[in-house]
Protein backbone atom coordinates (compact mmCIF):
# COMPACT_ATOMS: atom_id res chain seq x y z
CA UNK A 1 -21.14 57.69 20.65
CA UNK A 2 -19.84 58.36 16.76
CA UNK A 3 -16.14 60.64 16.37
CA UNK A 4 -16.51 63.48 14.25
CA UNK A 5 -14.18 61.51 11.61
CA UNK A 6 -17.17 58.71 11.93
CA UNK A 7 -19.78 61.36 10.93
CA UNK A 8 -18.07 62.98 8.21
CA UNK A 9 -17.33 59.72 6.82
CA UNK A 10 -20.90 58.93 6.89
CA UNK A 11 -22.19 62.21 5.43
CA UNK A 12 -19.95 61.34 2.59
CA UNK A 13 -21.76 57.96 1.66
CA UNK A 14 -24.78 59.32 0.87
CA UNK A 15 -24.24 60.04 -2.77
CA UNK A 16 -23.18 56.41 -3.06
CA UNK A 17 -26.14 55.29 -1.25
CA UNK A 18 -28.53 57.37 -3.44
CA UNK A 19 -27.01 55.83 -6.29
CA UNK A 20 -26.76 52.16 -5.17
CA UNK A 21 -29.36 51.88 -2.22
CA UNK A 22 -31.73 49.33 -4.13
CA UNK A 23 -28.87 47.30 -5.82
CA UNK A 24 -27.52 47.31 -1.97
CA UNK A 25 -30.77 46.59 -0.35
CA UNK A 26 -31.49 43.65 -2.73
CA UNK A 27 -28.33 41.93 -1.99
CA UNK A 28 -28.66 42.63 1.67
CA UNK A 29 -31.91 40.71 2.28
CA UNK A 30 -30.96 37.78 -0.47
CA UNK A 31 -27.39 37.69 2.14
CA UNK A 32 -29.71 37.55 5.28
CA UNK A 33 -31.81 34.92 4.19
CA UNK A 34 -29.46 32.91 2.96
CA UNK A 35 -27.45 33.23 5.73
CA UNK A 36 -29.96 33.53 8.52
CA UNK A 37 -32.94 31.87 7.15
CA UNK A 38 -34.71 31.87 10.96
CA UNK A 39 -35.31 35.38 10.50
CA UNK A 40 -37.44 35.15 7.13
CA UNK A 41 -40.69 34.54 8.89
CA UNK A 42 -40.22 38.60 9.75
CA UNK A 43 -40.66 39.44 6.22
CA UNK A 44 -43.66 39.41 3.46
CA UNK A 45 -42.62 37.77 0.69
CA UNK A 46 -44.84 40.03 -1.58
CA UNK A 47 -43.24 42.79 -0.61
CA UNK A 48 -39.91 41.15 -1.45
CA UNK A 49 -41.10 40.30 -4.65
CA UNK A 50 -42.69 43.44 -5.51
CA UNK A 51 -39.79 45.49 -4.25
CA UNK A 52 -41.27 47.65 -1.92
CA UNK A 53 -39.19 46.66 1.20
CA UNK A 54 -36.02 47.10 -0.84
CA UNK A 55 -36.96 50.57 -1.70
CA UNK A 56 -38.00 51.19 1.82
CA UNK A 57 -34.79 50.00 3.41
CA UNK A 58 -32.93 51.99 0.67
CA UNK A 59 -34.65 55.19 1.93
CA UNK A 60 -34.01 54.84 5.41
CA UNK A 61 -30.67 53.97 4.96
CA UNK A 62 -30.07 57.36 3.35
CA UNK A 63 -32.05 59.47 5.53
CA UNK A 64 -30.22 57.82 8.71
CA UNK A 65 -26.85 58.66 6.52
CA UNK A 66 -28.09 62.38 5.83
CA UNK A 67 -28.94 62.88 9.60
CA UNK A 68 -26.67 60.69 11.25
CA UNK A 69 -25.38 63.71 13.64
CA UNK A 70 -29.13 64.85 14.58
CA UNK A 71 -31.00 61.11 14.76
CA UNK A 72 -34.00 63.15 16.81
CA UNK A 73 -34.92 64.67 13.12
CA UNK A 74 -35.61 60.95 12.25
CA UNK A 75 -37.97 60.22 15.32
CA UNK A 76 -41.20 59.74 13.64
CA UNK A 77 -39.27 57.14 11.27
CA UNK A 78 -37.79 55.58 14.35
CA UNK A 79 -41.10 55.05 16.15
CA UNK A 80 -43.00 53.69 13.06
CA UNK A 81 -40.70 51.00 12.44
CA UNK A 82 -40.10 50.55 16.25
CA UNK A 83 -43.89 49.82 16.39
CA UNK A 84 -43.77 47.21 13.06
CA UNK A 85 -40.72 45.39 15.29
CA UNK A 86 -42.33 44.97 18.28
CA UNK A 87 -45.56 43.94 16.61
CA UNK A 88 -43.91 41.10 14.79
CA UNK A 89 -42.00 40.40 17.88
CA UNK A 90 -38.37 41.75 16.97
CA UNK A 91 -35.82 41.20 19.74
CA UNK A 92 -32.37 42.69 21.04
CA UNK A 93 -30.57 39.14 19.58
CA UNK A 94 -31.97 40.15 16.06
CA UNK A 95 -30.00 43.60 15.73
CA UNK A 96 -26.44 41.62 15.38
CA UNK A 97 -27.79 39.62 12.67
CA UNK A 98 -28.87 42.16 10.74
CA UNK A 99 -25.88 44.35 11.17
CA UNK A 100 -23.24 41.83 10.18
CA UNK A 101 -25.22 41.13 6.95
CA UNK A 102 -25.67 44.89 6.33
CA UNK A 103 -22.00 45.73 6.71
CA UNK A 104 -21.04 42.65 4.60
CA UNK A 105 -23.53 43.77 1.64
CA UNK A 106 -21.81 47.11 1.51
CA UNK A 107 -18.29 45.57 1.42
CA UNK A 108 -19.44 43.29 -0.94
CA UNK A 109 -21.56 45.48 -3.27
CA UNK A 110 -19.83 48.09 -3.40
CA UNK A 111 -16.47 46.33 -3.09
CA UNK A 112 -14.73 47.95 0.30
CA UNK A 113 -12.33 46.25 1.92
CA UNK A 114 -13.16 45.19 5.40
CA UNK A 115 -10.77 47.44 6.95
CA UNK A 116 -11.56 50.41 5.41
CA UNK A 117 -12.63 53.66 7.72
CA UNK A 118 -16.15 53.38 5.69
CA UNK A 119 -16.95 49.92 7.34
CA UNK A 120 -15.89 51.01 10.43
CA UNK A 121 -17.89 54.33 10.70
CA UNK A 122 -20.71 52.35 9.23
CA UNK A 123 -20.56 49.86 12.13
CA UNK A 124 -20.53 52.78 14.82
CA UNK A 125 -23.46 54.33 13.01
CA UNK A 126 -25.24 50.55 13.12
CA UNK A 127 -24.64 50.39 16.38
CA UNK A 128 -25.72 53.65 17.78
CA UNK A 129 -29.13 53.19 16.16
CA UNK A 130 -29.67 49.52 16.77
CA UNK A 131 -29.29 50.97 20.76
CA UNK A 132 -32.03 53.76 19.48
CA UNK A 133 -34.55 50.76 18.18
CA UNK A 134 -33.63 48.52 21.67
CA UNK A 135 -34.41 51.34 23.58
CA UNK A 136 -37.69 52.58 22.44
CA UNK A 137 -38.90 48.77 21.66
CA UNK A 138 -38.41 47.62 24.90
CA UNK A 139 -40.62 50.82 26.49
CA UNK A 140 -43.33 49.50 23.81
CA UNK A 141 -43.24 45.88 25.10
CA UNK A 142 -43.65 47.07 28.68
CA UNK A 143 -46.12 49.85 27.77
CA UNK A 144 -48.30 46.37 25.81
CA UNK A 145 -47.87 44.56 29.43
CA UNK A 146 -49.13 47.27 31.42
CA UNK A 147 -51.99 48.37 28.77
CA UNK A 148 -52.82 45.02 27.19
CA UNK A 149 -51.92 42.59 30.07
CA UNK A 150 -49.61 40.55 27.67
CA UNK A 151 -46.63 40.24 25.35
CA UNK A 152 -45.99 37.88 22.08
CA UNK A 153 -48.81 35.68 21.23
CA UNK A 154 -51.71 34.69 22.58
CA UNK A 155 -54.46 31.94 21.17
CA UNK A 156 -57.61 33.84 19.97
CA UNK A 157 -60.89 32.43 19.44
CA UNK A 158 -62.83 33.20 16.13
CA UNK A 159 -66.45 34.29 17.36
CA UNK A 160 -67.90 35.66 14.09
CA UNK A 161 -67.12 35.99 10.99
CA UNK A 162 -68.80 38.08 8.16
CA UNK A 163 -68.80 38.93 4.54
CA UNK A 164 -68.30 42.37 4.27
CA UNK A 165 -67.95 42.62 0.33
CA UNK A 166 -66.79 40.63 -2.22
CA UNK A 167 -63.46 40.51 -1.32
CA UNK A 168 -63.35 41.70 2.30
CA UNK A 169 -64.41 39.73 5.05
CA UNK A 170 -64.39 40.43 9.16
CA UNK A 171 -63.55 38.05 11.87
CA UNK A 172 -64.41 38.88 15.17
CA UNK A 173 -61.42 37.24 17.73
CA UNK A 174 -62.19 37.08 21.54
CA UNK A 175 -59.20 35.75 24.28
CA UNK A 176 -59.37 31.52 24.28
CA UNK A 177 -59.19 32.32 27.85
CA UNK A 178 -62.22 34.68 28.68
CA UNK A 179 -60.36 37.67 29.89
CA UNK A 180 -61.31 41.33 29.10
CA UNK A 181 -59.82 43.10 26.08
CA UNK A 182 -58.30 46.36 27.11
CA UNK A 183 -59.68 49.47 24.72
CA UNK A 184 -57.12 49.97 21.88
CA UNK A 185 -56.26 53.28 20.44
CA UNK A 186 -58.25 53.76 17.56
CA UNK A 187 -56.07 53.35 14.37
CA UNK A 188 -53.93 50.80 16.09
CA UNK A 189 -53.14 47.24 14.37
CA UNK A 190 -53.12 43.78 15.83
CA UNK A 191 -50.61 41.29 14.19
CA UNK A 192 -52.26 37.46 13.42
CA UNK A 193 -50.19 34.17 13.09
CA UNK A 194 -51.36 31.39 11.22
CA UNK A 195 -50.51 28.29 9.86
CA UNK A 196 -51.70 27.55 6.64
CA UNK A 197 -51.62 23.92 5.65
CA UNK A 198 -48.60 22.37 4.83
CA UNK A 199 -46.99 25.65 5.18
CA UNK A 200 -45.13 27.61 7.83
CA UNK A 201 -46.16 29.83 10.42
CA UNK A 202 -46.62 33.49 8.72
CA UNK A 203 -47.51 36.97 10.83
CA UNK A 204 -49.75 39.86 9.02
CA UNK A 205 -50.61 42.97 10.82
CA UNK A 206 -54.29 44.21 10.40
CA UNK A 207 -56.15 47.00 11.71
CA UNK A 208 -58.63 47.12 13.94
CA UNK A 209 -61.83 47.94 12.55
CA UNK A 210 -64.24 48.03 15.50
CA UNK A 211 -64.73 50.67 18.44
CA UNK A 212 -62.41 50.74 21.01
CA UNK A 213 -63.58 48.78 24.45
CA UNK A 214 -65.52 46.28 22.66
CA UNK A 215 -65.53 42.70 24.18
CA UNK A 216 -63.61 41.68 20.91
CA UNK A 217 -61.54 42.48 18.10
CA UNK A 218 -62.44 43.02 14.70
CA UNK A 219 -59.93 42.52 11.69
CA UNK A 220 -61.41 43.14 8.22
CA UNK A 221 -59.08 41.40 5.69
CA UNK A 222 -58.93 41.98 1.97
CA UNK A 223 -58.30 38.91 -0.22
CA UNK A 224 -55.07 39.87 -1.61
CA UNK A 225 -54.71 38.75 -5.31
CA UNK A 226 -51.26 38.43 -7.38
CA UNK A 227 -50.97 41.43 -9.82
CA UNK A 228 -48.69 39.62 -11.75
CA UNK A 229 -48.56 35.85 -13.35
CA UNK A 230 -45.58 35.23 -11.52
CA UNK A 231 -46.10 37.00 -8.13
CA UNK A 232 -48.17 34.81 -5.48
CA UNK A 233 -51.35 35.42 -4.26
CA UNK A 234 -51.85 36.57 -0.34
CA UNK A 235 -50.87 33.80 1.23
CA UNK A 236 -52.17 34.80 5.08
CA UNK A 237 -55.41 36.79 3.47
CA UNK A 238 -56.00 33.57 1.17
CA UNK A 239 -56.12 31.34 4.56
CA UNK A 240 -58.20 33.75 6.09
CA UNK A 241 -60.41 33.95 3.31
CA UNK A 242 -60.62 30.28 2.26
CA UNK A 243 -60.31 28.17 5.64
CA UNK A 244 -61.06 30.50 8.83
CA UNK A 245 -64.10 29.69 10.65
CA UNK A 246 -65.90 30.50 13.62
CA UNK A 247 -64.39 28.41 16.43
CA UNK A 248 -61.05 28.37 14.99
CA UNK A 249 -57.79 29.48 17.03
CA UNK A 250 -55.56 32.26 15.74
CA UNK A 251 -52.57 33.64 17.73
CA UNK A 252 -52.78 37.22 18.29
CA UNK A 253 -50.42 40.04 19.13
CA UNK A 254 -51.42 42.92 21.10
CA UNK A 255 -52.48 46.39 19.36
CA UNK A 256 -49.40 48.59 17.75
CA UNK A 257 -49.17 51.46 15.66
CA UNK A 258 -48.37 54.82 15.76
CA UNK A 259 -51.15 56.27 13.25
CA UNK A 260 -54.02 56.66 15.76
CA UNK A 261 -56.75 59.66 16.50
CA UNK A 262 -55.31 62.29 18.49
CA UNK A 263 -57.00 62.77 21.81
CA UNK A 264 -57.42 66.58 21.72
CA UNK A 265 -60.46 67.97 19.91
CA UNK A 266 -59.92 71.47 18.55
CA UNK A 267 -62.51 73.76 19.05
CA UNK A 268 -64.54 74.20 16.08
CA UNK A 269 -61.99 71.96 13.58
CA UNK A 270 -63.94 69.30 11.73
CA UNK A 271 -62.13 65.76 11.38
CA UNK A 272 -61.85 64.41 7.95
CA UNK A 273 -61.56 60.73 7.31
CA UNK A 274 -60.42 59.68 3.59
CA UNK A 275 -60.88 55.86 3.57
CA UNK A 276 -60.14 53.91 -0.09
CA UNK A 277 -60.69 50.03 -0.06
CA UNK A 278 -59.61 48.32 2.67
CA UNK A 279 -57.78 51.06 4.03
CA UNK A 280 -61.09 52.23 5.49
CA UNK A 281 -60.68 49.60 8.52
CA UNK A 282 -58.14 51.99 10.69
CA UNK A 283 -60.27 55.07 9.84
CA UNK A 284 -63.72 53.27 10.70
CA UNK A 285 -62.19 52.38 14.49
CA UNK A 286 -61.35 56.25 14.70
CA UNK A 287 -64.92 57.24 13.53
CA UNK A 288 -66.11 55.04 16.58
CA UNK A 289 -63.84 56.32 18.63
CA UNK A 290 -64.59 60.00 17.77
CA UNK A 291 -67.97 59.76 17.60
CA UNK A 292 -67.73 58.57 21.42
CA UNK A 293 -65.18 60.74 22.87
CA UNK A 294 -65.35 63.93 20.84
CA UNK A 295 -68.79 64.32 21.17
CA UNK A 296 -70.34 67.48 19.14
CA UNK A 297 -67.29 67.71 16.69
CA UNK A 298 -67.83 67.86 13.22
CA UNK A 299 -66.65 64.83 11.03
CA UNK A 300 -66.39 64.29 7.69
CA UNK A 301 -66.29 60.71 6.41
CA UNK A 302 -65.03 60.02 2.52
CA UNK A 303 -65.12 56.55 1.40
CA UNK A 304 -63.72 55.77 -1.77
CA UNK A 305 -64.22 52.48 -3.56
CA UNK A 306 -64.01 50.84 -6.98
CA UNK A 307 -67.83 50.04 -7.00
CA UNK A 308 -71.02 48.66 -4.11
CA UNK A 309 -69.58 45.28 -4.64
CA UNK A 310 -66.27 45.75 -3.11
CA UNK A 311 -67.37 49.01 -0.68
CA UNK A 312 -67.55 47.35 3.14
CA UNK A 313 -69.42 48.74 5.84
CA UNK A 314 -72.42 50.22 3.82
CA UNK A 315 -74.68 49.40 6.79
CA UNK A 316 -72.86 50.30 9.71
CA UNK A 317 -71.46 53.78 8.47
CA UNK A 318 -75.34 54.67 7.32
CA UNK A 319 -76.52 53.53 11.01
CA UNK A 320 -73.65 55.74 12.43
CA UNK A 321 -74.73 58.68 10.37
CA UNK A 322 -78.34 58.22 11.41
CA UNK A 323 -77.57 58.50 14.47
CA UNK A 324 -74.92 61.13 14.76
CA UNK A 325 -75.89 64.96 13.42
CA UNK A 326 -72.55 65.42 13.56
CA UNK A 327 -71.51 62.94 10.89
CA UNK A 328 -71.84 63.45 7.29
CA UNK A 329 -70.37 60.38 5.16
CA UNK A 330 -69.92 60.98 1.12
CA UNK A 331 -69.36 57.76 -0.94
CA UNK A 332 -67.65 58.30 -3.70
CA UNK A 333 -67.00 55.20 -6.62
CA UNK A 334 -64.59 55.43 -9.50
CA UNK A 335 -66.45 52.69 -11.55
CA UNK A 336 -69.70 52.76 -10.28
CA UNK A 337 -71.48 49.41 -11.66
CA UNK A 338 -75.02 49.57 -13.35
CA UNK A 339 -76.40 48.01 -10.63
CA UNK A 340 -74.98 50.93 -8.48
CA UNK A 341 -76.53 53.20 -10.98
CA UNK A 342 -79.80 51.78 -10.44
CA UNK A 343 -79.34 51.65 -6.37
CA UNK A 344 -78.04 55.31 -6.27
CA UNK A 345 -76.33 54.50 -3.06
CA UNK A 346 -73.38 56.78 -3.22
CA UNK A 347 -73.04 60.13 -3.90
CA UNK A 348 -70.31 61.11 -6.60
CA UNK A 349 -68.11 59.15 -8.89
CA UNK A 350 -64.44 59.35 -9.73
CA UNK A 351 -61.35 60.15 -7.95
CA UNK A 352 -61.03 62.64 -5.00
CA UNK A 353 -60.19 65.87 -6.30
CA UNK A 354 -59.84 69.44 -5.27
CA UNK A 355 -63.39 70.17 -5.86
CA UNK A 356 -65.12 67.52 -3.26
CA UNK A 357 -62.34 68.83 -0.66
CA UNK A 358 -63.89 72.05 -1.33
CA UNK A 359 -67.90 71.06 -1.21
CA UNK A 360 -67.17 69.55 1.75
CA UNK A 361 -64.90 71.09 3.83
CA UNK A 362 -64.01 74.47 2.09
CA UNK A 363 -61.27 77.03 3.23
CA UNK A 364 -61.75 75.89 6.95
CA UNK A 365 -58.95 74.42 8.83
CA UNK A 366 -58.87 70.33 9.59
CA UNK A 367 -57.44 67.44 10.33
CA UNK A 368 -57.20 64.90 7.93
CA UNK A 369 -56.47 61.05 8.31
CA UNK A 370 -56.37 59.01 4.99
CA UNK A 371 -55.55 55.20 4.09
CA UNK A 372 -55.79 53.52 1.37
CA UNK A 373 -53.57 52.35 -1.88
CA UNK A 374 -50.29 53.72 -2.56
CA UNK A 375 -51.42 55.97 -5.54
CA UNK A 376 -54.67 57.49 -3.62
CA UNK A 377 -52.28 58.09 -0.72
CA UNK A 378 -49.93 60.41 -2.81
CA UNK A 379 -53.19 61.68 -4.58
CA UNK A 380 -54.43 63.13 -1.39
CA UNK A 381 -51.12 64.32 -0.06
CA UNK A 382 -50.79 66.45 -3.31
CA UNK A 383 -54.46 67.84 -2.63
CA UNK A 384 -53.92 68.78 0.62
CA UNK A 385 -50.62 70.54 -0.41
CA UNK A 386 -51.96 72.07 -2.71
CA UNK A 387 -54.87 73.40 -0.46
CA UNK A 388 -52.06 74.82 2.11
CA UNK A 389 -52.96 72.29 4.59
CA UNK A 390 -50.45 72.39 7.83
CA UNK A 391 -48.36 69.36 7.84
CA UNK A 392 -49.51 69.21 11.55
CA UNK A 393 -53.01 68.10 10.27
CA UNK A 394 -51.96 65.73 7.90
CA UNK A 395 -51.70 61.88 8.82
CA UNK A 396 -51.36 58.96 6.66
CA UNK A 397 -51.13 55.14 7.31
CA UNK A 398 -49.26 52.80 4.49
CA UNK A 399 -50.62 49.16 4.62
CA UNK A 400 -46.65 47.63 4.17
CA UNK A 401 -43.39 49.14 3.73
CA UNK A 402 -43.78 52.98 3.76
CA UNK A 403 -42.57 55.03 1.08
CA UNK A 404 -42.14 59.15 0.89
CA UNK A 405 -45.63 60.69 -0.36
CA UNK A 406 -43.80 64.21 -1.32
CA UNK A 407 -42.27 62.95 -4.62
């Protein structure tokens, strides 16, 4: 329990953290990877190089400082991070490593003596936060054991491999021991661990794109290409696209994730799923779940893609639309090719806008779930805010470190 004086000190550090947060977190990660290289496998180097991991941590530290006297206000953020930690196998013994490097970074970056009341207050604050995470993560590990029958990593066999588009491949994964899979919640992800040739094991989260309750897990992986010459291509996605074949074995950890389709079916309230690029994967699982368990509910599925060459699941979505009168699919290409124009296999062009939402949804209350690139998430969030959609009806998923959308 933090004392009142410690709470006051933490609050007083908020302006300093807002000004120096990213400098602090960059220093923290560099220090931790140097002093404790054993934890580096838990982090995606592409996110480190892009700076998104550092920005996300800086925002989280500032948010915790602002709400240190009321951590319940951060419940959603705690749940997101705890789910991610469990997916990667973070354990209680990792928290002292993070704490020691964080406190040392505060001292070194801000020039604060280790005997300062600031360090004392942040040590107490970090300890309190670590206890919250350790408790929640322990409950999640137990939930995995009770629901799916295992914790940690188990060997799975690539039972099938399908090319979904020019840049997305699907892997159908079955347990090597032949045991049945328990249904996941629509929207959840699994963690895949592979060892590329000549490299170290890498872990990545991939959303499940299959219907819950199938005999396999399906992940649909986009080949990640570097956005700059000095940045690396996606290590795990490159290995999956170039090397993994049917019959190969990968390690899989049980489903995780808080971005899940709500069980409740609000009478007369349409479900709107907005997918951008490979962000379609969790939404496709949600679509299967909604059509199976929320029968009769109107579902509007908006799929946004650059063009037809990189649009996945066209045949699967068409079959679902043919079989369900309550499903309306709308495909929008931002840059349709000449071949797309000839085939006319899309409904509209451009980026998602208010006009399309007004056309498909109108002024009705609806529940919105969306996933895709960060610029798209920010755009959709802004459109829904402009439409006056209640925050309780807005749900979204980041692929990678979460950022704020309101800005």
